[in-house]
């Protein structure tokens, strides 16, 4: 059994922290357009970015995405 990243939960974490996309972009040192691409699913966070985002949003890395279970067929 493996996992893959599903929907991005960043918007929910931002709301919990009363933070706008612009605020988050500024804190993370990225553009608001990049944050928007994360929210839309056009881009995925790198592990380094996710670690820093989780730290700044006071959550776990696993709180940033829905984790989908991928079942492998027996080999």
N, C-alpha and C. Protein backbone atom coordinates (compact mmCIF):
# COMPACT_ATOMS: atom_id res chain seq x y z
N UNK A 1 0.85 -1.17 0.00
CA UNK A 1 0.00 0.00 0.00
C UNK A 1 0.90 1.24 0.00
N UNK A 2 0.56 2.18 -0.86
CA UNK A 2 1.29 3.44 -0.96
C UNK A 2 0.31 4.59 -0.81
N UNK A 3 0.87 5.78 -0.70
CA UNK A 3 0.06 7.00 -0.60
C UNK A 3 0.46 7.95 -1.72
N UNK A 4 -0.48 8.78 -2.12
CA UNK A 4 -0.18 9.88 -3.03
C UNK A 4 -0.89 11.12 -2.51
N UNK A 5 -0.35 12.27 -2.90
CA UNK A 5 -0.95 13.53 -2.47
C UNK A 5 -2.24 13.78 -3.23
N UNK A 6 -3.29 14.05 -2.49
CA UNK A 6 -4.58 14.41 -3.08
C UNK A 6 -4.75 15.92 -3.03
N UNK A 7 -5.92 16.35 -2.64
CA UNK A 7 -6.25 17.78 -2.60
C UNK A 7 -5.37 18.52 -1.59
N UNK A 8 -5.00 19.72 -1.96
CA UNK A 8 -4.22 20.59 -1.08
C UNK A 8 -5.15 21.20 -0.02
N UNK A 9 -4.74 21.15 1.22
CA UNK A 9 -5.51 21.68 2.34
C UNK A 9 -4.94 23.00 2.86
N UNK A 10 -4.10 23.62 2.06
CA UNK A 10 -3.44 24.85 2.49
C UNK A 10 -4.43 25.96 2.81
N UNK A 11 -5.47 26.11 2.01
CA UNK A 11 -6.44 27.17 2.25
C UNK A 11 -7.09 27.02 3.63
N UNK A 12 -7.40 25.80 4.02
CA UNK A 12 -7.98 25.55 5.34
C UNK A 12 -7.01 25.93 6.44
N UNK A 13 -5.71 25.57 6.25
CA UNK A 13 -4.71 25.91 7.25
C UNK A 13 -4.52 27.43 7.33
N UNK A 14 -4.59 28.12 6.20
CA UNK A 14 -4.47 29.58 6.21
C UNK A 14 -5.63 30.19 6.98
N UNK A 15 -6.84 29.70 6.74
CA UNK A 15 -8.02 30.22 7.45
C UNK A 15 -7.89 30.00 8.95
N UNK A 16 -7.41 28.83 9.34
CA UNK A 16 -7.23 28.54 10.77
C UNK A 16 -6.25 29.51 11.43
N UNK A 17 -5.33 30.03 10.64
CA UNK A 17 -4.30 30.94 11.15
C UNK A 17 -4.61 32.40 10.83
N UNK A 18 -5.84 32.66 10.36
CA UNK A 18 -6.24 34.02 9.99
C UNK A 18 -5.20 34.68 9.08
N UNK A 19 -4.77 33.94 8.08
CA UNK A 19 -3.72 34.40 7.19
C UNK A 19 -4.23 34.43 5.76
N UNK A 20 -3.92 35.47 5.02
CA UNK A 20 -4.29 35.54 3.61
C UNK A 20 -3.23 34.86 2.77
N UNK A 21 -3.56 34.62 1.51
CA UNK A 21 -2.58 34.06 0.59
C UNK A 21 -1.37 34.99 0.47
N UNK A 22 -1.64 36.28 0.43
CA UNK A 22 -0.54 37.25 0.33
C UNK A 22 0.35 37.23 1.57
N UNK A 23 -0.28 37.14 2.75
CA UNK A 23 0.49 37.04 4.00
C UNK A 23 1.41 35.81 3.96
N UNK A 24 0.83 34.69 3.58
CA UNK A 24 1.58 33.43 3.54
C UNK A 24 2.72 33.52 2.53
N UNK A 25 2.43 34.06 1.37
CA UNK A 25 3.46 34.19 0.34
C UNK A 25 4.63 35.03 0.86
N UNK A 26 4.31 36.11 1.52
CA UNK A 26 5.35 36.99 2.05
C UNK A 26 6.20 36.26 3.10
N UNK A 27 5.55 35.57 4.02
CA UNK A 27 6.26 34.83 5.07
C UNK A 27 7.14 33.74 4.48
N UNK A 28 6.65 33.09 3.41
CA UNK A 28 7.38 31.98 2.80
C UNK A 28 8.40 32.44 1.75
N UNK A 29 8.35 33.71 1.38
CA UNK A 29 9.31 34.21 0.40
C UNK A 29 9.02 33.77 -1.02
N UNK A 30 7.72 33.60 -1.33
CA UNK A 30 7.30 33.21 -2.68
C UNK A 30 6.25 34.19 -3.17
N UNK A 31 5.86 34.07 -4.42
CA UNK A 31 4.84 34.96 -4.97
C UNK A 31 3.44 34.46 -4.59
N UNK A 32 2.49 35.37 -4.62
CA UNK A 32 1.10 34.99 -4.39
C UNK A 32 0.62 34.06 -5.50
N UNK A 33 1.16 34.24 -6.69
CA UNK A 33 0.80 33.37 -7.81
C UNK A 33 1.24 31.93 -7.54
N UNK A 34 2.41 31.76 -6.92
CA UNK A 34 2.88 30.42 -6.58
C UNK A 34 1.94 29.78 -5.56
N UNK A 35 1.55 30.54 -4.56
CA UNK A 35 0.61 30.03 -3.54
C UNK A 35 -0.70 29.64 -4.22
N UNK A 36 -1.17 30.45 -5.15
CA UNK A 36 -2.40 30.14 -5.87
C UNK A 36 -2.26 28.84 -6.66
N UNK A 37 -1.09 28.58 -7.23
CA UNK A 37 -0.85 27.33 -7.96
C UNK A 37 -0.88 26.13 -7.01
N UNK A 38 -0.40 26.31 -5.80
CA UNK A 38 -0.48 25.24 -4.80
C UNK A 38 -1.94 24.95 -4.46
N UNK A 39 -2.70 26.02 -4.24
CA UNK A 39 -4.10 25.87 -3.85
C UNK A 39 -4.93 25.21 -4.95
N UNK A 40 -4.61 25.52 -6.20
CA UNK A 40 -5.38 24.97 -7.33
C UNK A 40 -4.96 23.55 -7.69
N UNK A 41 -3.84 23.10 -7.14
CA UNK A 41 -3.34 21.77 -7.46
C UNK A 41 -2.43 21.75 -8.68
N UNK A 42 -2.18 22.92 -9.26
CA UNK A 42 -1.30 22.99 -10.42
C UNK A 42 0.14 22.65 -10.04
N UNK A 43 0.52 22.95 -8.80
CA UNK A 43 1.85 22.63 -8.28
C UNK A 43 1.70 21.89 -6.95
N UNK A 44 2.70 21.09 -6.61
CA UNK A 44 2.77 20.41 -5.32
C UNK A 44 3.94 21.00 -4.54
N UNK A 45 3.83 21.00 -3.24
CA UNK A 45 4.90 21.51 -2.39
C UNK A 45 6.07 20.53 -2.37
N UNK A 46 7.27 21.07 -2.37
CA UNK A 46 8.44 20.24 -2.12
C UNK A 46 8.42 19.87 -0.64
N UNK A 47 9.17 18.87 -0.27
CA UNK A 47 9.24 18.48 1.14
C UNK A 47 9.77 19.63 1.99
N UNK A 48 10.78 20.33 1.50
CA UNK A 48 11.34 21.45 2.24
C UNK A 48 10.31 22.56 2.43
N UNK A 49 9.57 22.89 1.37
CA UNK A 49 8.55 23.93 1.46
C UNK A 49 7.46 23.49 2.43
N UNK A 50 7.02 22.23 2.33
CA UNK A 50 5.95 21.72 3.20
C UNK A 50 6.39 21.75 4.67
N UNK A 51 7.63 21.39 4.93
CA UNK A 51 8.15 21.41 6.30
C UNK A 51 8.08 22.83 6.87
N UNK A 52 8.55 23.79 6.08
CA UNK A 52 8.55 25.19 6.54
C UNK A 52 7.14 25.74 6.64
N UNK A 53 6.27 25.37 5.72
CA UNK A 53 4.88 25.81 5.77
C UNK A 53 4.20 25.26 7.03
N UNK A 54 4.42 23.98 7.31
CA UNK A 54 3.81 23.37 8.50
C UNK A 54 4.31 24.05 9.77
N UNK A 55 5.59 24.38 9.81
CA UNK A 55 6.14 25.08 10.97
C UNK A 55 5.46 26.43 11.16
N UNK A 56 5.32 27.18 10.07
CA UNK A 56 4.74 28.52 10.17
C UNK A 56 3.23 28.49 10.41
N UNK A 57 2.58 27.40 10.00
CA UNK A 57 1.13 27.28 10.18
C UNK A 57 0.76 26.45 11.41
N UNK A 58 1.78 26.05 12.18
CA UNK A 58 1.57 25.30 13.41
C UNK A 58 0.72 24.04 13.17
N UNK A 59 1.16 23.25 12.19
CA UNK A 59 0.45 22.00 11.88
C UNK A 59 1.50 20.96 11.47
N UNK A 60 1.03 19.79 11.13
CA UNK A 60 1.92 18.74 10.64
C UNK A 60 1.97 18.79 9.12
N UNK A 61 3.02 18.27 8.54
CA UNK A 61 3.11 18.21 7.08
C UNK A 61 1.92 17.45 6.51
N UNK A 62 1.49 16.42 7.18
CA UNK A 62 0.36 15.62 6.69
C UNK A 62 -0.96 16.37 6.76
N UNK A 63 -0.99 17.53 7.41
CA UNK A 63 -2.19 18.36 7.45
C UNK A 63 -2.30 19.27 6.23
N UNK A 64 -1.31 19.23 5.35
CA UNK A 64 -1.29 20.13 4.20
C UNK A 64 -1.93 19.53 2.95
N UNK A 65 -2.09 18.22 2.92
CA UNK A 65 -2.70 17.53 1.78
C UNK A 65 -3.58 16.39 2.26
N UNK A 66 -4.58 16.07 1.49
CA UNK A 66 -5.30 14.82 1.68
C UNK A 66 -4.37 13.72 1.19
N UNK A 67 -4.18 12.69 1.97
CA UNK A 67 -3.36 11.56 1.54
C UNK A 67 -4.28 10.46 1.03
N UNK A 68 -4.10 10.08 -0.22
CA UNK A 68 -4.93 9.05 -0.82
C UNK A 68 -4.17 7.73 -0.80
N UNK A 69 -4.86 6.66 -0.46
CA UNK A 69 -4.28 5.33 -0.43
C UNK A 69 -4.29 4.76 -1.83
N UNK A 70 -3.15 4.25 -2.23
CA UNK A 70 -3.03 3.59 -3.53
C UNK A 70 -2.73 2.12 -3.25
N UNK A 71 -3.63 1.29 -3.64
CA UNK A 71 -3.44 -0.15 -3.40
C UNK A 71 -2.67 -0.76 -4.56
N UNK A 72 -1.65 -1.51 -4.22
CA UNK A 72 -0.84 -2.19 -5.25
C UNK A 72 -1.35 -3.62 -5.38
N UNK A 73 -1.35 -4.09 -6.60
CA UNK A 73 -1.71 -5.48 -6.83
C UNK A 73 -0.54 -6.35 -6.41
N UNK A 74 -0.83 -7.55 -5.96
CA UNK A 74 0.23 -8.48 -5.55
C UNK A 74 1.11 -8.78 -6.73
N UNK A 75 2.39 -8.78 -6.49
CA UNK A 75 3.35 -9.05 -7.59
C UNK A 75 3.62 -10.51 -7.73
